[in-house]
Amino acid sequence: MATPSPAKSMGDPGITPLSPSHIQQNDTDSNAHTGPSFIVVVAVDFGTTSSGYAYAFTKEPECIHTMRRWEGGDPGVSNQKTPTTILLTPDRKFHSFGYAARDFYHDLDPTESKHWLYLEKFKMKLHTTANLSIDTELHAANGKRVKAIDIFAYALAFFKEQALKELSDQAGAEFDNTNIRWVITVPAIWKMPAKQFMREAAYKAGLVPRDTPEQLIISLEPEAASIYCRKLRLHQMIDIGTKTTQNGFSPNENVGAGMTQAKEPVRSKRQSRTFLVENVIGELWSELEEGSVLNTTTITLFCGRLNQGPCGPYGSIGIDYEFEKLLCKIFGPDFIDQFKIKRPAAWVDLMIAFESRKRAAAPDRTNPLNINLPFSFIDYYKKFRGHSVEHALRKSK
């Protein structure tokens, strides 16, 4: 029996299962299938810190094109993707996304920037909100509220425009959106309302019409990673039995008994290929049993320590929260709250500087990473407290 479309109703977020039952069909069923055909597949990686897209033509699925390099960026920081930042005008109209949004907001006069709505790193709000709905709101940098569905729709509409423009340039003519199958990746830990929220945002953005839900696939990030690994050649994989150092750590070091326990079931099956996918939220083990092309794939996801569960929101944005907590401890939460509202552009500058230093960190690095406070931070703190930031730093030690 042919597998139905992954998204046949409004209540189904279209999560495509990674299993042979989803893709394995006999000849009779294949001939009977009369679903829509697409010329190209465009996948959007909607990240917490950065976002981007890639595409492949269905006739050449192995040839994956990444998006054009983005203008702007920070010195010493890779800009293969663009920041997940969005800027709305004072009358709440979409202005820009990514580096363009951040740079324009940075250049605004402090008195004028208070009226603009700047949002960043808002993705995980869909995971942390208990009663997520179409009316869920986000806080902009200036403290004003805006509907989350509008922000996500603006972002997806931006990627749609960019992808269509790039495809049209390649084709030499205007590319029709009906020829595109869209894919949006989401974390596996997200609950069903969050996944459905992304689909609703896609409808609102005009990514796909409601009457053709099969044109959009909401894909789980670890499943997408596993599919990618199935296409890797052996020389591109790392043997987990070796002691090759990765990111300052050996596969057999610093992970305790959890790594050993994870390896044993895999090693006990001799006719298998095993590989490790490093992920922001943990490590993904995927065992591919040798055999036909339609292999059975078993996935076990370990988050945090390999012997610890369940999964959780363990992305690098947690480090940003810890940095903010440190600032609150040194300078006071009342000052940090007021600084965000009164000097929103300066707060963004401070977090950009922290992001740059954060990416320079490494497990084997022992010397401290220094972060320069913006002049507006130093100046506003003196006006707010009546003494210098040096006094606060000395007092905190």
Protein backbone atom coordinates (compact mmCIF):
# COMPACT_ATOMS: atom_id res chain seq x y z
CA MET A 1 0.00 0.00 0.00
CA ALA A 2 1.38 3.42 -0.91
CA THR A 3 2.32 5.70 1.92
CA PRO A 4 0.07 8.78 2.07
CA SER A 5 1.29 12.33 1.89
CA PRO A 6 2.98 13.44 5.14
CA ALA A 7 0.61 16.39 5.46
CA LYS A 8 -3.01 15.80 4.54
CA SER A 9 -4.75 17.99 7.06
CA MET A 10 -4.39 21.13 9.08
CA GLY A 11 -3.84 19.06 12.21
CA ASP A 12 -0.92 17.13 10.74
CA PRO A 13 2.33 19.13 10.81
CA GLY A 14 3.75 16.93 8.08
CA ILE A 15 6.59 15.29 10.01
CA THR A 16 8.13 12.89 7.53
CA PRO A 17 9.23 9.66 9.29
CA LEU A 18 12.68 8.31 8.54
CA SER A 19 11.73 4.72 7.84
CA PRO A 20 11.59 2.41 4.82
CA SER A 21 7.80 2.30 5.10
CA HIS A 22 7.70 5.94 4.10
CA ILE A 23 9.76 5.59 0.94
CA GLN A 24 9.47 1.95 -0.04
CA GLN A 25 6.79 1.32 -2.66
CA ASN A 26 6.22 -1.48 -5.14
CA ASP A 27 5.98 -0.86 -8.86
CA THR A 28 2.19 -0.96 -8.91
CA ASP A 29 1.87 1.66 -6.20
CA SER A 30 4.51 3.85 -7.81
CA ASN A 31 2.66 3.87 -11.10
CA ALA A 32 -0.61 4.61 -9.36
CA HIS A 33 0.80 7.62 -7.52
CA THR A 34 -0.32 10.81 -9.17
CA GLY A 35 0.95 13.39 -6.67
CA PRO A 36 2.47 16.70 -7.73
CA SER A 37 5.97 16.75 -9.16
CA PHE A 38 8.50 19.43 -8.22
CA ILE A 39 11.49 20.75 -10.11
CA VAL A 40 13.49 21.79 -7.07
CA VAL A 41 13.55 21.22 -3.30
CA VAL A 42 14.42 24.20 -1.11
CA ALA A 43 15.24 23.51 2.56
CA VAL A 44 15.23 26.31 5.13
CA ASP A 45 17.40 25.92 8.22
CA PHE A 46 15.61 28.23 10.65
CA GLY A 47 18.16 28.46 13.44
CA THR A 48 18.15 30.12 16.84
CA THR A 49 21.26 32.21 16.15
CA SER A 50 21.65 31.96 12.36
CA SER A 51 19.50 30.82 9.46
CA GLY A 52 19.92 29.92 5.81
CA TYR A 53 18.71 27.75 2.98
CA ALA A 54 19.96 25.25 0.41
CA TYR A 55 18.36 23.73 -2.66
CA ALA A 56 18.72 20.87 -5.10
CA PHE A 57 17.03 20.11 -8.41
CA THR A 58 15.08 16.85 -8.36
CA LYS A 59 16.89 15.61 -11.47
CA GLU A 60 20.24 16.11 -9.68
CA PRO A 61 19.45 15.41 -6.00
CA GLU A 62 23.11 14.82 -5.12
CA CYS A 63 24.09 18.32 -6.29
CA ILE A 64 23.18 20.58 -3.38
CA HIS A 65 23.49 24.34 -3.78
CA THR A 66 23.96 26.47 -0.69
CA MET A 67 22.61 29.98 -0.65
CA ARG A 68 24.62 32.92 -1.86
CA ARG A 69 27.05 34.45 0.61
CA TRP A 70 25.47 37.17 2.66
CA GLU A 71 26.68 40.72 2.64
CA GLY A 72 27.92 42.07 5.94
CA GLY A 73 29.09 39.99 8.84
CA ASP A 74 31.59 40.32 11.65
CA PRO A 75 35.36 40.16 11.24
CA GLY A 76 36.60 36.71 12.10
CA VAL A 77 33.11 35.17 12.18
CA SER A 78 31.87 32.84 9.43
CA ASN A 79 28.86 34.19 7.57
CA GLN A 80 27.78 31.10 5.67
CA LYS A 81 24.37 31.85 7.18
CA THR A 82 22.78 35.10 8.23
CA PRO A 83 21.75 36.02 11.79
CA THR A 84 18.19 35.20 12.78
CA THR A 85 17.43 38.85 13.37
CA ILE A 86 14.48 40.82 12.08
CA LEU A 87 13.71 44.54 12.06
CA LEU A 88 10.28 46.13 11.86
CA THR A 89 9.58 49.80 11.25
CA PRO A 90 7.89 51.89 13.98
CA ASP A 91 4.54 51.16 12.29
CA ARG A 92 5.33 47.40 12.52
CA LYS A 93 6.04 46.79 8.84
CA PHE A 94 8.81 44.41 7.76
CA HIS A 95 12.05 46.27 7.06
CA SER A 96 14.93 43.77 6.85
CA PHE A 97 16.32 40.45 8.01
CA GLY A 98 19.76 39.15 8.99
CA TYR A 99 22.86 41.29 8.66
CA ALA A 100 20.89 44.03 6.92
CA ALA A 101 18.52 44.27 9.90
CA ARG A 102 21.30 44.24 12.45
CA ASP A 103 23.49 46.79 10.67
CA PHE A 104 20.63 49.19 9.98
CA TYR A 105 19.48 49.00 13.58
CA HIS A 106 23.04 49.54 14.78
CA ASP A 107 23.34 52.75 12.73
CA LEU A 108 20.09 54.29 14.00
CA ASP A 109 20.27 57.25 16.32
CA PRO A 110 19.67 56.07 19.92
CA THR A 111 16.59 58.25 20.25
CA GLU A 112 15.17 56.87 17.00
CA SER A 113 16.05 53.21 17.63
CA LYS A 114 13.64 53.14 20.58
CA HIS A 115 10.73 53.21 18.14
CA TRP A 116 11.95 50.38 15.90
CA LEU A 117 11.21 46.74 16.70
CA TYR A 118 14.31 44.55 16.63
CA LEU A 119 14.09 40.84 17.44
CA GLU A 120 16.74 38.14 17.58
CA LYS A 121 17.15 34.52 18.77
CA PHE A 122 13.40 34.11 19.09
CA LYS A 123 13.06 30.61 17.63
CA MET A 124 13.02 28.64 20.91
CA LYS A 125 10.11 30.73 22.17
CA LEU A 126 7.98 28.15 20.37
CA HIS A 127 9.45 25.46 22.61
CA THR A 128 9.38 27.30 25.93
CA THR A 129 5.87 28.77 25.67
CA ALA A 130 3.49 26.56 27.63
CA ASN A 131 0.25 27.47 25.84
CA LEU A 132 1.49 28.25 22.35
CA SER A 133 -1.13 29.76 20.06
CA ILE A 134 -1.55 32.07 17.10
CA ASP A 135 -1.80 34.93 19.61
CA THR A 136 1.56 34.19 21.30
CA GLU A 137 3.70 37.33 21.45
CA LEU A 138 7.42 38.08 21.37
CA HIS A 139 9.31 40.95 23.00
CA ALA A 140 11.34 43.26 20.78
CA ALA A 141 14.60 44.82 22.00
CA ASN A 142 12.73 47.98 23.03
CA GLY A 143 10.29 45.97 25.15
CA LYS A 144 7.34 46.24 22.78
CA ARG A 145 5.27 43.16 21.97
CA VAL A 146 4.59 41.73 18.55
CA LYS A 147 2.75 38.59 17.45
CA ALA A 148 5.10 35.63 17.01
CA ILE A 149 3.19 34.35 13.96
CA ASP A 150 3.90 37.63 12.15
CA ILE A 151 7.63 37.48 12.93
CA PHE A 152 8.05 33.89 11.77
CA ALA A 153 5.97 34.60 8.66
CA TYR A 154 8.11 37.64 7.82
CA ALA A 155 11.26 35.55 8.16
CA LEU A 156 9.97 32.72 5.96
CA ALA A 157 8.70 35.21 3.38
CA PHE A 158 12.20 36.70 3.28
CA PHE A 159 13.77 33.31 2.53
CA LYS A 160 11.12 32.61 -0.09
CA GLU A 161 11.98 35.88 -1.84
CA GLN A 162 15.72 35.21 -1.69
CA ALA A 163 15.43 31.62 -2.96
CA LEU A 164 13.07 32.56 -5.80
CA LYS A 165 15.37 35.37 -6.85
CA GLU A 166 18.37 33.03 -6.94
CA LEU A 167 16.48 30.33 -8.83
CA SER A 168 15.15 32.87 -11.32
CA ASP A 169 18.67 34.12 -11.96
CA GLN A 170 19.80 30.57 -12.66
CA ALA A 171 16.84 29.79 -14.91
CA GLY A 172 17.04 33.07 -16.81
CA ALA A 173 13.31 33.58 -16.26
CA GLU A 174 10.90 34.03 -13.39
CA PHE A 175 10.76 30.81 -11.36
CA ASP A 176 7.29 29.59 -10.38
CA ASN A 177 6.85 28.83 -6.69
CA THR A 178 4.50 25.94 -7.52
CA ASN A 179 7.54 24.05 -8.85
CA ILE A 180 9.24 24.14 -5.44
CA ARG A 181 8.88 21.67 -2.62
CA TRP A 182 9.74 23.46 0.60
CA VAL A 183 11.34 21.86 3.65
CA ILE A 184 11.66 23.51 7.07
CA THR A 185 13.79 21.80 9.70
CA VAL A 186 12.74 21.89 13.36
CA PRO A 187 14.24 20.43 16.56
CA ALA A 188 13.13 16.92 17.48
CA ILE A 189 12.33 18.09 21.02
CA TRP A 190 9.60 20.43 19.80
CA LYS A 191 6.07 19.46 20.71
CA MET A 192 3.35 19.14 18.10
CA PRO A 193 1.92 22.68 18.60
CA ALA A 194 5.33 24.21 17.85
CA LYS A 195 5.70 22.15 14.67
CA GLN A 196 2.20 23.08 13.57
CA PHE A 197 2.98 26.73 14.35
CA MET A 198 5.80 26.65 11.79
CA ARG A 199 3.38 25.28 9.19
CA GLU A 200 0.89 28.04 9.96
CA ALA A 201 3.66 30.62 9.63
CA ALA A 202 4.58 29.14 6.25
CA TYR A 203 0.98 29.47 5.08
CA LYS A 204 0.86 33.07 6.28
CA ALA A 205 4.17 33.81 4.52
CA GLY A 206 2.84 32.46 1.23
CA LEU A 207 5.46 29.73 1.15
CA VAL A 208 2.77 27.24 0.15
CA PRO A 209 -1.02 27.53 -0.15
CA ARG A 210 -3.23 25.79 2.39
CA ASP A 211 -4.86 23.64 -0.28
CA THR A 212 -1.52 21.99 -1.19
CA PRO A 213 -0.01 21.11 2.23
CA GLU A 214 2.10 18.36 0.65
CA GLN A 215 4.24 21.08 -0.92
CA LEU A 216 5.74 21.72 2.54
CA ILE A 217 7.57 19.16 4.68
CA ILE A 218 8.38 19.89 8.31
CA SER A 219 11.51 17.80 8.88
CA LEU A 220 13.13 16.86 12.18
CA GLU A 221 16.72 18.07 12.38
CA PRO A 222 18.30 14.77 13.53
CA GLU A 223 16.47 12.85 10.81
CA ALA A 224 17.76 15.29 8.19
CA ALA A 225 21.27 14.77 9.60
CA SER A 226 20.86 11.02 9.42
CA ILE A 227 19.74 11.15 5.78
CA TYR A 228 22.78 13.28 5.00
CA CYS A 229 25.06 10.73 6.64
CA ARG A 230 23.56 7.91 4.59
CA LYS A 231 24.98 9.67 1.53
CA LEU A 232 28.47 10.07 2.96
CA ARG A 233 31.30 7.94 1.62
CA LEU A 234 33.38 5.88 4.02
CA HIS A 235 36.40 8.20 3.85
CA GLN A 236 34.17 11.08 5.02
CA MET A 237 33.24 9.28 8.22
CA ILE A 238 35.11 9.03 11.49
CA ASP A 239 35.69 5.59 13.01
CA ILE A 240 34.37 5.83 16.57
CA GLY A 241 36.84 3.16 17.58
CA THR A 242 39.82 5.42 16.90
CA LYS A 243 41.22 8.08 19.20
CA THR A 244 41.08 10.90 16.71
CA THR A 245 40.71 14.17 18.54
CA GLN A 246 37.62 16.21 17.62
CA ASN A 247 37.05 19.71 19.04
CA GLY A 248 39.72 19.09 21.63
CA PHE A 249 38.26 15.79 22.84
CA SER A 250 38.91 12.15 22.05
CA PRO A 251 35.87 9.90 21.48
CA ASN A 252 37.01 7.82 24.44
CA GLU A 253 37.73 10.71 26.79
CA ASN A 254 35.66 12.94 29.08
CA VAL A 255 32.36 11.19 28.42
CA GLY A 256 32.61 8.47 31.04
CA ALA A 257 30.68 5.23 30.89
CA GLY A 258 27.98 6.75 28.70
CA MET A 259 30.10 6.55 25.56
CA THR A 260 31.10 2.94 26.28
CA GLN A 261 27.51 1.93 26.89
CA ALA A 262 26.44 3.62 23.67
CA LYS A 263 29.12 1.88 21.61
CA GLU A 264 28.49 -1.67 22.82
CA PRO A 265 25.14 -2.38 21.07
CA VAL A 266 26.59 -1.04 17.85
CA ARG A 267 29.84 -2.99 18.06
CA SER A 268 27.97 -6.21 18.88
CA LYS A 269 26.49 -6.15 15.35
CA ARG A 270 29.46 -6.77 13.13
CA GLN A 271 27.75 -6.18 9.80
CA SER A 272 27.01 -2.54 10.28
CA ARG A 273 28.39 0.89 9.58
CA THR A 274 28.35 3.35 12.44
CA PHE A 275 28.98 7.05 12.46
CA LEU A 276 28.65 10.01 14.76
CA VAL A 277 26.91 13.28 13.98
CA GLU A 278 27.93 16.19 16.17
CA ASN A 279 24.91 18.34 16.86
CA VAL A 280 24.29 21.54 18.83
CA ILE A 281 21.97 19.65 21.20
CA GLY A 282 24.01 16.51 21.59
CA GLU A 283 25.33 13.62 19.58
CA LEU A 284 23.40 11.44 17.22
CA TRP A 285 24.34 7.81 16.75
CA SER A 286 22.95 6.21 13.64
CA GLU A 287 23.47 2.60 12.71
CA LEU A 288 22.93 1.57 9.10
CA GLU A 289 22.55 -2.13 8.58
CA GLU A 290 24.27 -3.27 5.42
CA GLY A 291 22.02 -4.61 2.71
CA SER A 292 19.77 -3.05 0.08
CA VAL A 293 19.54 0.65 -0.67
CA LEU A 294 16.42 0.87 1.50
CA ASN A 295 18.27 0.14 4.73
CA THR A 296 16.60 0.07 8.10
CA THR A 297 17.89 2.99 10.14
CA THR A 298 17.97 2.96 13.92
CA ILE A 299 18.47 6.30 15.62
CA THR A 300 19.32 6.93 19.24
CA LEU A 301 19.72 10.54 20.31
CA PHE A 302 21.83 11.34 23.34
CA CYS A 303 21.67 14.89 24.69
CA GLY A 304 24.04 16.51 27.13
CA ARG A 305 26.11 13.61 28.47
CA LEU A 306 25.74 10.43 26.47
CA ASN A 307 24.25 8.61 29.45
CA GLN A 308 21.80 11.35 30.28
CA GLY A 309 18.29 12.04 29.05
CA PRO A 310 15.83 13.26 28.08
CA CYS A 311 16.68 15.68 25.31
CA GLY A 312 16.42 19.39 25.93
CA PRO A 313 17.16 22.89 24.63
CA TYR A 314 20.92 22.64 25.06
CA GLY A 315 21.98 24.95 22.25
CA SER A 316 24.66 27.60 22.56
CA ILE A 317 22.04 30.25 23.30
CA GLY A 318 22.18 28.92 26.85
CA ILE A 319 25.66 30.41 27.09
CA ASP A 320 24.18 33.79 26.14
CA TYR A 321 21.71 33.48 29.02
CA GLU A 322 24.54 32.67 31.42
CA PHE A 323 26.45 35.73 30.20
CA GLU A 324 23.40 37.90 30.82
CA LYS A 325 23.03 36.40 34.30
CA LEU A 326 26.67 37.29 34.98
CA LEU A 327 26.06 40.89 33.89
CA CYS A 328 23.02 41.04 36.18
CA LYS A 329 25.10 39.72 39.06
CA ILE A 330 27.82 42.35 38.53
CA PHE A 331 25.78 45.40 37.55
CA GLY A 332 22.33 44.53 38.87
CA PRO A 333 19.27 43.18 37.05
CA ASP A 334 17.48 46.53 37.36
CA PHE A 335 20.27 48.25 35.42
CA ILE A 336 20.44 45.55 32.71
CA ASP A 337 16.67 45.72 32.22
CA GLN A 338 16.75 49.50 31.89
CA PHE A 339 19.81 49.44 29.63
CA LYS A 340 18.03 47.09 27.22
CA ILE A 341 15.08 49.48 27.02
CA LYS A 342 16.95 52.80 26.98
CA ARG A 343 19.91 51.69 24.85
CA PRO A 344 18.62 48.73 22.80
CA ALA A 345 21.13 49.16 19.96
CA ALA A 346 24.03 49.23 22.43
CA TRP A 347 22.76 46.02 24.04
CA VAL A 348 22.77 44.38 20.62
CA ASP A 349 26.36 45.57 20.08
CA LEU A 350 27.40 44.02 23.39
CA MET A 351 25.85 40.65 22.52
CA ILE A 352 27.46 40.73 19.06
CA ALA A 353 30.85 41.23 20.73
CA PHE A 354 30.10 38.34 23.08
CA GLU A 355 29.09 36.10 20.17
CA SER A 356 32.41 36.77 18.45
CA ARG A 357 34.40 35.90 21.59
CA LYS A 358 32.23 32.86 22.28
CA ARG A 359 33.13 31.40 18.90
CA ALA A 360 36.82 31.85 19.71
CA ALA A 361 36.51 29.62 22.78
CA ALA A 362 37.96 26.10 22.70
CA PRO A 363 38.24 23.26 25.25
CA ASP A 364 42.03 23.44 25.31
CA ARG A 365 42.16 27.22 25.72
CA THR A 366 43.25 28.35 29.18
CA ASN A 367 43.67 32.12 28.85
CA PRO A 368 40.59 34.31 29.49
CA LEU A 369 38.52 35.89 26.71
CA ASN A 370 38.08 39.61 27.20
CA ILE A 371 34.93 41.44 26.11
CA ASN A 372 34.94 45.21 25.75
CA LEU A 373 31.90 47.02 27.12
CA PRO A 374 30.43 49.64 24.74
CA PHE A 375 30.96 53.28 25.71
CA SER A 376 27.18 53.75 26.00
CA PHE A 377 27.10 50.93 28.58
CA ILE A 378 29.84 52.58 30.66
CA ASP A 379 28.27 56.03 30.32
CA TYR A 380 24.72 54.90 31.15
CA TYR A 381 25.88 52.84 34.11
CA LYS A 382 27.62 55.88 35.66
CA LYS A 383 24.45 57.95 35.23
CA PHE A 384 22.28 55.14 36.60
CA ARG A 385 24.40 54.15 39.62
CA GLY A 386 26.49 57.25 40.25
CA HIS A 387 29.78 55.34 40.12
CA SER A 388 31.96 53.65 37.50
CA VAL A 389 31.82 50.14 36.05
CA GLU A 390 35.31 49.58 37.48
CA HIS A 391 33.82 50.02 40.96
CA ALA A 392 31.16 47.41 40.19
CA LEU A 393 33.80 44.98 38.85
CA ARG A 394 35.99 45.37 41.93
CA LYS A 395 32.99 44.90 44.20
CA SER A 396 31.97 41.69 42.40
CA LYS A 397 35.32 39.95 42.98
